[in-house]
Amino acid sequence: MAKKQKTEKVEVPVVETPVVETPKPKKVEPKKPSWEIKDRMYYLKGDKKPLSYMLRSSNIYWFDEEKGYERELKYCQNQRTPFVDEMKGDQRLEHIIFRNGALFVEKEKTVLQKLLDIHPHKEKIYYEYNPIEEAAGDIEILELEADAIVIAREIDIDLAEAIMRVEKGSEVSKMSSKELKRDLLVFARNNPALFLELAADDNVQLRNFGIKAVELGIIQLSSDQRNFLWGSNGRKIMTVPFDEHPYTALAHWFKTDEGMEIYANIEKRLNN
């Protein structure tokens, strides 16, 4: 009887098929329009507001950085572009007129708005009104005024006199402390930037010190404004450098070693 052959089991390896995930489509954000459709307001720069002002609407050029050359601009009522090289057909030139210093352009007139945006006279003759920028500028001015008034309220009378002497000259010597304080607060409110600059400038006080010394006759300024002299004997104290204001030069000189000694001497006489 024949022997049965043993059958060996052959293990077949199982190959796993990788699962390929289908990439999710990226969400495409809609592109924002490069030009905002809205009404726009334009104003002439400066204080003059003529009844009518005609802005040039032809024979003007704008340098196109992308194309690398100047392109001619023209405002034509029957065209869809301000660029002459893109115009088609007849060109009916239209005037651009400011009335009483202002020009309102409706949102439908995008061609005129785009022309005014790149016109070479923008920011030179006229500007576009921007309420956000206007508000930011107003805030900056109001904060500056607030800072100036706070400092003006706390300032001592000597510095107040020095600052107001820059504004009012010798008239300050006749003012009472109340008048001086009032005018200082008004000055700080109306000219905050200049007030803060003067309040931080130590030369202002030194100039005022020298002016008071001259007004009281302790020192003298020669008639040619070239020398400061002692009032008592006419002896020269210092020579004013050429092309420099006498009291500015004196203020700078008070900071030198020799000047500090003279300053101390004058201060004693002012306090006596």
C-alpha atoms as a PDB file:
ATOM      1  CA  MET A   1       0.000   0.000   0.000  1.00  0.00           C
ATOM      2  CA  ALA A   2       1.481   3.309  -1.048  1.00  0.00           C
ATOM      3  CA  LYS A   3       2.301   5.878   1.614  1.00  0.00           C
ATOM      4  CA  LYS A   4       0.363   9.117   1.575  1.00  0.00           C
ATOM      5  CA  GLN A   5       2.502  12.143   0.927  1.00  0.00           C
ATOM      6  CA  LYS A   6       2.321  14.896   3.460  1.00  0.00           C
ATOM      7  CA  THR A   7       1.026  18.118   2.017  1.00  0.00           C
ATOM      8  CA  GLU A   8       2.705  21.176   3.395  1.00  0.00           C
ATOM      9  CA  LYS A   9       0.666  24.300   3.920  1.00  0.00           C
ATOM     10  CA  VAL A  10       2.143  27.267   2.168  1.00  0.00           C
ATOM     11  CA  GLU A  11       1.326  30.574   3.816  1.00  0.00           C
ATOM     12  CA  VAL A  12       0.569  33.281   1.315  1.00  0.00           C
ATOM     13  CA  PRO A  13       1.602  36.761   2.619  1.00  0.00           C
ATOM     14  CA  VAL A  14      -1.238  39.204   2.848  1.00  0.00           C
ATOM     15  CA  VAL A  15      -0.427  42.463   1.131  1.00  0.00           C
ATOM     16  CA  GLU A  16      -2.281  45.400   2.618  1.00  0.00           C
ATOM     17  CA  THR A  17      -3.470  47.909   0.083  1.00  0.00           C
ATOM     18  CA  PRO A  18      -2.657  51.426   1.327  1.00  0.00           C
ATOM     19  CA  VAL A  19      -5.647  53.665   1.706  1.00  0.00           C
ATOM     20  CA  VAL A  20      -5.150  56.812  -0.297  1.00  0.00           C
ATOM     21  CA  GLU A  21      -7.045  59.731   1.134  1.00  0.00           C
ATOM     22  CA  THR A  22      -8.529  62.082  -1.396  1.00  0.00           C
ATOM     23  CA  PRO A  23      -7.173  65.572  -0.627  1.00  0.00           C
ATOM     24  CA  LYS A  24      -9.807  68.024   0.352  1.00  0.00           C
ATOM     25  CA  PRO A  25     -10.089  70.932  -2.038  1.00  0.00           C
ATOM     26  CA  LYS A  26      -8.607  74.123  -0.601  1.00  0.00           C
ATOM     27  CA  LYS A  27     -11.050  76.837   0.121  1.00  0.00           C
ATOM     28  CA  VAL A  28     -10.428  79.633  -2.310  1.00  0.00           C
ATOM     29  CA  GLU A  29     -11.016  83.005  -0.781  1.00  0.00           C
ATOM     30  CA  PRO A  30     -12.676  85.410  -3.179  1.00  0.00           C
ATOM     31  CA  LYS A  31     -10.337  88.154  -4.262  1.00  0.00           C
ATOM     32  CA  LYS A  32     -11.191  91.528  -2.902  1.00  0.00           C
ATOM     33  CA  PRO A  33     -11.704  94.151  -5.582  1.00  0.00           C
ATOM     34  CA  SER A  34      -8.651  96.381  -5.992  1.00  0.00           C
ATOM     35  CA  TRP A  35     -10.839  99.475  -6.210  1.00  0.00           C
ATOM     36  CA  GLU A  36     -13.463 100.210  -3.580  1.00  0.00           C
ATOM     37  CA  ILE A  37     -16.700 101.400  -5.128  1.00  0.00           C
ATOM     38  CA  LYS A  38     -17.843 104.389  -3.083  1.00  0.00           C
ATOM     39  CA  ASP A  39     -18.553 108.103  -3.244  1.00  0.00           C
ATOM     40  CA  ARG A  40     -15.443 110.223  -2.785  1.00  0.00           C
ATOM     41  CA  MET A  41     -14.814 113.820  -1.739  1.00  0.00           C
ATOM     42  CA  TYR A  42     -11.854 115.953  -2.771  1.00  0.00           C
ATOM     43  CA  TYR A  43     -10.691 119.319  -1.433  1.00  0.00           C
ATOM     44  CA  LEU A  44      -8.227 121.943  -2.636  1.00  0.00           C
ATOM     45  CA  LYS A  45      -5.252 122.361  -0.315  1.00  0.00           C
ATOM     46  CA  GLY A  46      -4.600 125.615   1.527  1.00  0.00           C
ATOM     47  CA  ASP A  47      -6.904 128.257   2.930  1.00  0.00           C
ATOM     48  CA  LYS A  48      -8.092 129.698  -0.392  1.00  0.00           C
ATOM     49  CA  LYS A  49     -11.433 128.362  -1.630  1.00  0.00           C
ATOM     50  CA  PRO A  50     -12.125 129.865  -5.098  1.00  0.00           C
ATOM     51  CA  LEU A  51     -15.651 129.808  -6.504  1.00  0.00           C
ATOM     52  CA  SER A  52     -14.376 127.511  -9.251  1.00  0.00           C
ATOM     53  CA  TYR A  53     -11.041 125.885 -10.000  1.00  0.00           C
ATOM     54  CA  MET A  54     -10.421 123.817 -13.136  1.00  0.00           C
ATOM     55  CA  LEU A  55      -7.993 120.942 -12.742  1.00  0.00           C
ATOM     56  CA  ARG A  56      -6.076 119.852 -15.811  1.00  0.00           C
ATOM     57  CA  SER A  57      -7.868 116.884 -17.427  1.00  0.00           C
ATOM     58  CA  SER A  58      -5.607 116.250 -20.444  1.00  0.00           C
ATOM     59  CA  ASN A  59      -1.936 116.389 -21.467  1.00  0.00           C
ATOM     60  CA  ILE A  60      -0.971 114.798 -18.144  1.00  0.00           C
ATOM     61  CA  TYR A  61       1.288 111.799 -17.616  1.00  0.00           C
ATOM     62  CA  TRP A  62       1.721 109.115 -14.989  1.00  0.00           C
ATOM     63  CA  PHE A  63       4.701 106.782 -14.685  1.00  0.00           C
ATOM     64  CA  ASP A  64       3.560 103.142 -14.711  1.00  0.00           C
ATOM     65  CA  GLU A  65       6.136 101.160 -12.714  1.00  0.00           C
ATOM     66  CA  GLU A  66       4.855  97.802 -13.979  1.00  0.00           C
ATOM     67  CA  LYS A  67       5.128  98.800 -17.637  1.00  0.00           C
ATOM     68  CA  GLY A  68       8.199 100.945 -17.102  1.00  0.00           C
ATOM     69  CA  TYR A  69       7.136 104.070 -18.975  1.00  0.00           C
ATOM     70  CA  GLU A  70       4.955 107.166 -18.717  1.00  0.00           C
ATOM     71  CA  ARG A  71       1.339 106.825 -19.774  1.00  0.00           C
ATOM     72  CA  GLU A  72      -0.836 109.680 -20.937  1.00  0.00           C
ATOM     73  CA  LEU A  73      -3.961 110.405 -18.893  1.00  0.00           C
ATOM     74  CA  LYS A  74      -7.163 112.078 -20.029  1.00  0.00           C
ATOM     75  CA  TYR A  75     -10.653 112.360 -18.607  1.00  0.00           C
ATOM     76  CA  CYS A  76     -13.187 111.565 -21.309  1.00  0.00           C
ATOM     77  CA  GLN A  77     -16.864 111.192 -20.522  1.00  0.00           C
ATOM     78  CA  ASN A  78     -17.386 108.437 -23.121  1.00  0.00           C
ATOM     79  CA  GLN A  79     -14.396 106.243 -22.139  1.00  0.00           C
ATOM     80  CA  ARG A  80     -14.031 103.479 -19.534  1.00  0.00           C
ATOM     81  CA  THR A  81     -10.426 104.228 -18.693  1.00  0.00           C
ATOM     82  CA  PRO A  82      -8.304 107.300 -17.928  1.00  0.00           C
ATOM     83  CA  PHE A  83      -5.371 105.834 -19.946  1.00  0.00           C
ATOM     84  CA  VAL A  84      -5.204 107.153 -23.500  1.00  0.00           C
ATOM     85  CA  ASP A  85      -3.476 103.971 -24.781  1.00  0.00           C
ATOM     86  CA  GLU A  86      -6.516 101.917 -23.678  1.00  0.00           C
ATOM     87  CA  MET A  87      -9.192 104.209 -25.136  1.00  0.00           C
ATOM     88  CA  LYS A  88     -11.319 103.222 -28.092  1.00  0.00           C
ATOM     89  CA  GLY A  89     -13.158 105.428 -30.538  1.00  0.00           C
ATOM     90  CA  ASP A  90     -13.844 109.123 -30.122  1.00  0.00           C
ATOM     91  CA  GLN A  91     -12.527 110.923 -27.052  1.00  0.00           C
ATOM     92  CA  ARG A  92     -14.924 113.506 -25.626  1.00  0.00           C
ATOM     93  CA  LEU A  93     -12.860 115.536 -23.187  1.00  0.00           C
ATOM     94  CA  GLU A  94     -14.592 116.473 -19.897  1.00  0.00           C
ATOM     95  CA  HIS A  95     -13.630 119.265 -17.466  1.00  0.00           C
ATOM     96  CA  ILE A  96     -12.726 118.634 -13.799  1.00  0.00           C
ATOM     97  CA  ILE A  97     -14.007 121.576 -11.754  1.00  0.00           C
ATOM     98  CA  PHE A  98     -13.784 122.218  -7.996  1.00  0.00           C
ATOM     99  CA  ARG A  99     -16.610 124.392  -6.668  1.00  0.00           C
ATOM    100  CA  ASN A 100     -15.856 126.471  -3.550  1.00  0.00           C
ATOM    101  CA  GLY A 101     -12.728 124.385  -3.046  1.00  0.00           C
ATOM    102  CA  ALA A 102     -14.513 120.997  -3.138  1.00  0.00           C
ATOM    103  CA  LEU A 103     -15.319 118.275  -5.653  1.00  0.00           C
ATOM    104  CA  PHE A 104     -17.800 115.451  -4.979  1.00  0.00           C
ATOM    105  CA  VAL A 105     -17.484 112.411  -7.274  1.00  0.00           C
ATOM    106  CA  GLU A 106     -20.229 109.794  -7.193  1.00  0.00           C
ATOM    107  CA  LYS A 107     -19.335 106.100  -6.970  1.00  0.00           C
ATOM    108  CA  GLU A 108     -20.590 105.577 -10.527  1.00  0.00           C
ATOM    109  CA  LYS A 109     -17.798 107.818 -11.890  1.00  0.00           C
ATOM    110  CA  THR A 110     -14.957 105.382 -11.210  1.00  0.00           C
ATOM    111  CA  VAL A 111     -12.952 106.578 -14.218  1.00  0.00           C
ATOM    112  CA  LEU A 112     -12.755 110.107 -12.800  1.00  0.00           C
ATOM    113  CA  GLN A 113     -11.973 108.746  -9.321  1.00  0.00           C
ATOM    114  CA  LYS A 114      -9.130 106.596 -10.673  1.00  0.00           C
ATOM    115  CA  LEU A 115      -7.758 109.538 -12.625  1.00  0.00           C
ATOM    116  CA  LEU A 116      -7.843 111.742  -9.509  1.00  0.00           C
ATOM    117  CA  ASP A 117      -6.083 108.983  -7.555  1.00  0.00           C
ATOM    118  CA  ILE A 118      -2.988 109.051  -9.792  1.00  0.00           C
ATOM    119  CA  HIS A 119      -3.168 112.649 -11.026  1.00  0.00           C
ATOM    120  CA  PRO A 120       0.246 114.375 -10.608  1.00  0.00           C
ATOM    121  CA  HIS A 121      -1.433 117.267  -8.753  1.00  0.00           C
ATOM    122  CA  LYS A 122      -2.825 115.049  -6.003  1.00  0.00           C
ATOM    123  CA  GLU A 123      -1.450 116.046  -2.569  1.00  0.00           C
ATOM    124  CA  LYS A 124      -0.010 119.173  -4.216  1.00  0.00           C
ATOM    125  CA  ILE A 125      -3.124 121.055  -5.299  1.00  0.00           C
ATOM    126  CA  TYR A 126      -5.859 118.834  -3.856  1.00  0.00           C
ATOM    127  CA  TYR A 127      -6.347 115.805  -1.590  1.00  0.00           C
ATOM    128  CA  GLU A 128      -8.939 113.098  -1.080  1.00  0.00           C
ATOM    129  CA  TYR A 129     -10.913 113.334   2.143  1.00  0.00           C
ATOM    130  CA  ASN A 130     -10.377 110.260   4.320  1.00  0.00           C
ATOM    131  CA  PRO A 131     -12.529 110.244   7.491  1.00  0.00           C
ATOM    132  CA  ILE A 132     -10.362 107.570   9.184  1.00  0.00           C
ATOM    133  CA  GLU A 133      -7.141 109.503   8.629  1.00  0.00           C
ATOM    134  CA  GLU A 134      -8.945 112.695   9.627  1.00  0.00           C
ATOM    135  CA  ALA A 135     -10.058 111.100  12.911  1.00  0.00           C
ATOM    136  CA  ALA A 136      -6.539 109.778  13.605  1.00  0.00           C
ATOM    137  CA  GLY A 137      -5.113 113.257  13.014  1.00  0.00           C
ATOM    138  CA  ASP A 138      -7.733 114.833  15.280  1.00  0.00           C
ATOM    139  CA  ILE A 139      -6.923 112.351  18.068  1.00  0.00           C
ATOM    140  CA  GLU A 140      -3.214 113.129  17.790  1.00  0.00           C
ATOM    141  CA  ILE A 141      -3.869 116.870  17.993  1.00  0.00           C
ATOM    142  CA  LEU A 142      -6.274 116.505  20.942  1.00  0.00           C
ATOM    143  CA  GLU A 143      -3.788 114.338  22.854  1.00  0.00           C
ATOM    144  CA  LEU A 144      -1.054 116.887  22.162  1.00  0.00           C
ATOM    145  CA  GLU A 145      -3.301 119.688  23.443  1.00  0.00           C
ATOM    146  CA  ALA A 146      -4.133 117.675  26.583  1.00  0.00           C
ATOM    147  CA  ASP A 147      -0.435 117.038  27.315  1.00  0.00           C
ATOM    148  CA  ALA A 148       0.412 120.705  26.784  1.00  0.00           C
ATOM    149  CA  ILE A 149      -2.376 121.967  29.061  1.00  0.00           C
ATOM    150  CA  VAL A 150      -1.423 119.530  31.860  1.00  0.00           C
ATOM    151  CA  ILE A 151       2.192 120.753  31.750  1.00  0.00           C
ATOM    152  CA  ALA A 152       1.074 124.393  31.535  1.00  0.00           C
ATOM    153  CA  ARG A 153      -1.031 123.983  34.689  1.00  0.00           C
ATOM    154  CA  GLU A 154       1.934 122.647  36.686  1.00  0.00           C
ATOM    155  CA  ILE A 155       4.651 124.903  35.302  1.00  0.00           C
ATOM    156  CA  ASP A 156       6.435 127.352  37.620  1.00  0.00           C
ATOM    157  CA  ILE A 157       6.081 131.072  37.103  1.00  0.00           C
ATOM    158  CA  ASP A 158       9.687 131.644  35.951  1.00  0.00           C
ATOM    159  CA  LEU A 159       9.419 129.118  33.128  1.00  0.00           C
ATOM    160  CA  ALA A 160       5.955 130.452  32.262  1.00  0.00           C
ATOM    161  CA  GLU A 161       7.462 133.931  31.912  1.00  0.00           C
ATOM    162  CA  ALA A 162      10.311 132.569  29.769  1.00  0.00           C
ATOM    163  CA  ILE A 163       7.933 130.775  27.402  1.00  0.00           C
ATOM    164  CA  MET A 164       5.526 133.703  27.079  1.00  0.00           C
ATOM    165  CA  ARG A 165       8.403 136.089  26.437  1.00  0.00           C
ATOM    166  CA  VAL A 166       9.065 134.154  23.225  1.00  0.00           C
ATOM    167  CA  GLU A 167       5.419 134.749  22.256  1.00  0.00           C
ATOM    168  CA  LYS A 168       4.826 138.298  23.585  1.00  0.00           C
ATOM    169  CA  GLY A 169       8.275 139.838  24.023  1.00  0.00           C
ATOM    170  CA  SER A 170       8.854 142.602  26.589  1.00  0.00           C
ATOM    171  CA  GLU A 171       5.093 142.881  27.202  1.00  0.00           C
ATOM    172  CA  VAL A 172       5.489 139.964  29.632  1.00  0.00           C
ATOM    173  CA  SER A 173       7.289 142.193  32.156  1.00  0.00           C
ATOM    174  CA  LYS A 174       4.083 144.217  32.703  1.00  0.00           C
ATOM    175  CA  MET A 175       1.779 141.207  33.170  1.00  0.00           C
ATOM    176  CA  SER A 176       0.504 139.946  36.524  1.00  0.00           C
ATOM    177  CA  SER A 177       0.967 136.297  37.461  1.00  0.00           C
ATOM    178  CA  LYS A 178      -2.735 135.608  36.779  1.00  0.00           C
ATOM    179  CA  GLU A 179      -2.534 137.186  33.320  1.00  0.00           C
ATOM    180  CA  LEU A 180       0.639 135.247  32.620  1.00  0.00           C
ATOM    181  CA  LYS A 181      -0.942 131.950  33.671  1.00  0.00           C
ATOM    182  CA  ARG A 182      -4.064 132.597  31.603  1.00  0.00           C
ATOM    183  CA  ASP A 183      -2.093 133.454  28.469  1.00  0.00           C
ATOM    184  CA  LEU A 184       0.154 130.456  28.994  1.00  0.00           C
ATOM    185  CA  LEU A 185      -2.837 128.067  29.071  1.00  0.00           C
ATOM    186  CA  VAL A 186      -4.291 129.683  25.937  1.00  0.00           C
ATOM    187  CA  PHE A 187      -0.908 129.410  24.215  1.00  0.00           C
ATOM    188  CA  ALA A 188      -0.601 125.727  25.228  1.00  0.00           C
ATOM    189  CA  ARG A 189      -4.076 124.995  23.824  1.00  0.00           C
ATOM    190  CA  ASN A 190      -3.607 126.880  20.554  1.00  0.00           C
ATOM    191  CA  ASN A 191       0.016 125.924  19.844  1.00  0.00           C
ATOM    192  CA  PRO A 192       0.630 122.662  21.766  1.00  0.00           C
ATOM    193  CA  ALA A 193       3.605 121.472  19.690  1.00  0.00           C
ATOM    194  CA  LEU A 194       5.484 124.785  20.016  1.00  0.00           C
ATOM    195  CA  PHE A 195       4.603 125.070  23.714  1.00  0.00           C
ATOM    196  CA  LEU A 196       5.967 121.581  24.486  1.00  0.00           C
ATOM    197  CA  GLU A 197       9.112 122.331  22.496  1.00  0.00           C
ATOM    198  CA  LEU A 198       9.728 125.554  24.423  1.00  0.00           C
ATOM    199  CA  ALA A 199       8.927 123.931  27.781  1.00  0.00           C
ATOM    200  CA  ALA A 200      11.621 121.290  27.147  1.00  0.00           C
ATOM    201  CA  ASP A 201      14.240 123.799  25.945  1.00  0.00           C
ATOM    202  CA  ASP A 202      16.481 124.964  28.782  1.00  0.00           C
ATOM    203  CA  ASN A 203      17.853 127.737  26.554  1.00  0.00           C
ATOM    204  CA  VAL A 204      14.445 129.440  26.772  1.00  0.00           C
ATOM    205  CA  GLN A 205      14.915 130.052  30.487  1.00  0.00           C
ATOM    206  CA  LEU A 206      18.489 131.219  30.008  1.00  0.00           C
ATOM    207  CA  ARG A 207      17.388 133.646  27.271  1.00  0.00           C
ATOM    208  CA  ASN A 208      14.683 135.005  29.575  1.00  0.00           C
ATOM    209  CA  PHE A 209      17.234 135.340  32.378  1.00  0.00           C
ATOM    210  CA  GLY A 210      19.492 137.422  30.118  1.00  0.00           C
ATOM    211  CA  ILE A 211      16.610 139.613  28.896  1.00  0.00           C
ATOM    212  CA  LYS A 212      15.485 140.339  32.478  1.00  0.00           C
ATOM    213  CA  ALA A 213      19.066 141.250  33.428  1.00  0.00           C
ATOM    214  CA  VAL A 214      19.201 143.729  30.529  1.00  0.00           C
ATOM    215  CA  GLU A 215      15.744 145.182  31.354  1.00  0.00           C
ATOM    216  CA  LEU A 216      16.852 145.790  34.951  1.00  0.00           C
ATOM    217  CA  GLY A 217      20.148 147.380  33.813  1.00  0.00           C
ATOM    218  CA  ILE A 218      22.370 144.754  35.434  1.00  0.00           C
ATOM    219  CA  ILE A 219      23.958 144.098  32.057  1.00  0.00           C
ATOM    220  CA  GLN A 220      23.768 145.990  28.761  1.00  0.00           C
ATOM    221  CA  LEU A 221      23.667 145.013  25.101  1.00  0.00           C
ATOM    222  CA  SER A 222      25.782 147.359  22.980  1.00  0.00           C
ATOM    223  CA  SER A 223      24.050 149.413  20.288  1.00  0.00           C
ATOM    224  CA  ASP A 224      25.612 147.308  17.526  1.00  0.00           C
ATOM    225  CA  GLN A 225      24.370 144.172  19.372  1.00  0.00           C
ATOM    226  CA  ARG A 226      27.873 142.712  19.277  1.00  0.00           C
ATOM    227  CA  ASN A 227      28.788 142.829  22.993  1.00  0.00           C
ATOM    228  CA  PHE A 228      27.244 142.340  26.434  1.00  0.00           C
ATOM    229  CA  LEU A 229      28.591 144.740  29.081  1.00  0.00           C
ATOM    230  CA  TRP A 230      28.213 145.265  32.820  1.00  0.00           C
ATOM    231  CA  GLY A 231      25.643 147.979  33.412  1.00  0.00           C
ATOM    232  CA  SER A 232      27.601 149.495  36.295  1.00  0.00           C
ATOM    233  CA  ASN A 233      30.959 150.115  34.603  1.00  0.00           C
ATOM    234  CA  GLY A 234      30.559 149.184  30.907  1.00  0.00           C
ATOM    235  CA  ARG A 235      33.142 146.395  31.146  1.00  0.00           C
ATOM    236  CA  LYS A 236      32.715 143.776  28.431  1.00  0.00           C
ATOM    237  CA  ILE A 237      31.285 140.423  29.525  1.00  0.00           C
ATOM    238  CA  MET A 238      31.165 138.558  26.199  1.00  0.00           C
ATOM    239  CA  THR A 239      31.227 139.087  22.434  1.00  0.00           C
ATOM    240  CA  VAL A 240      28.298 137.847  20.345  1.00  0.00           C
ATOM    241  CA  PRO A 241      29.451 135.512  17.531  1.00  0.00           C
ATOM    242  CA  PHE A 242      28.803 136.747  14.008  1.00  0.00           C
ATOM    243  CA  ASP A 243      25.317 135.936  12.574  1.00  0.00           C
ATOM    244  CA  GLU A 244      23.958 134.685  15.929  1.00  0.00           C
ATOM    245  CA  HIS A 245      21.060 136.155  17.913  1.00  0.00           C
ATOM    246  CA  PRO A 246      22.473 138.045  20.939  1.00  0.00           C
ATOM    247  CA  TYR A 247      20.275 136.413  23.576  1.00  0.00           C
ATOM    248  CA  THR A 248      20.657 132.947  22.055  1.00  0.00           C
ATOM    249  CA  ALA A 249      24.437 133.418  22.159  1.00  0.00           C
ATOM    250  CA  LEU A 250      24.214 134.650  25.759  1.00  0.00           C
ATOM    251  CA  ALA A 251      22.133 131.590  26.752  1.00  0.00           C
ATOM    252  CA  HIS A 252      24.753 129.264  25.253  1.00  0.00           C
ATOM    253  CA  TRP A 253      27.563 131.229  26.907  1.00  0.00           C
ATOM    254  CA  PHE A 254      25.932 130.910  30.347  1.00  0.00           C
ATOM    255  CA  LYS A 255      26.629 127.159  30.098  1.00  0.00           C
ATOM    256  CA  THR A 256      30.396 127.641  29.849  1.00  0.00           C
ATOM    257  CA  ASP A 257      32.661 127.761  32.923  1.00  0.00           C
ATOM    258  CA  GLU A 258      33.149 131.530  32.640  1.00  0.00           C
ATOM    259  CA  GLY A 259      29.492 132.086  31.871  1.00  0.00           C
ATOM    260  CA  MET A 260      28.328 130.099  34.916  1.00  0.00           C
ATOM    261  CA  GLU A 261      30.273 132.442  37.204  1.00  0.00           C
ATOM    262  CA  ILE A 262      28.692 135.511  35.565  1.00  0.00           C
ATOM    263  CA  TYR A 263      25.264 133.836  35.738  1.00  0.00           C
ATOM    264  CA  ALA A 264      25.659 133.300  39.494  1.00  0.00           C
ATOM    265  CA  ASN A 265      26.741 136.937  39.921  1.00  0.00           C
ATOM    266  CA  ILE A 266      23.715 138.242  37.965  1.00  0.00           C
ATOM    267  CA  GLU A 267      21.371 135.903  39.858  1.00  0.00           C
ATOM    268  CA  LYS A 268      22.475 137.386  43.177  1.00  0.00           C
ATOM    269  CA  ARG A 269      21.791 140.893  41.916  1.00  0.00           C
ATOM    270  CA  LEU A 270      18.357 139.875  40.553  1.00  0.00           C
ATOM    271  CA  ASN A 271      17.387 138.440  43.934  1.00  0.00           C
ATOM    272  CA  ASN A 272      18.530 141.481  45.897  1.00  0.00           C
END
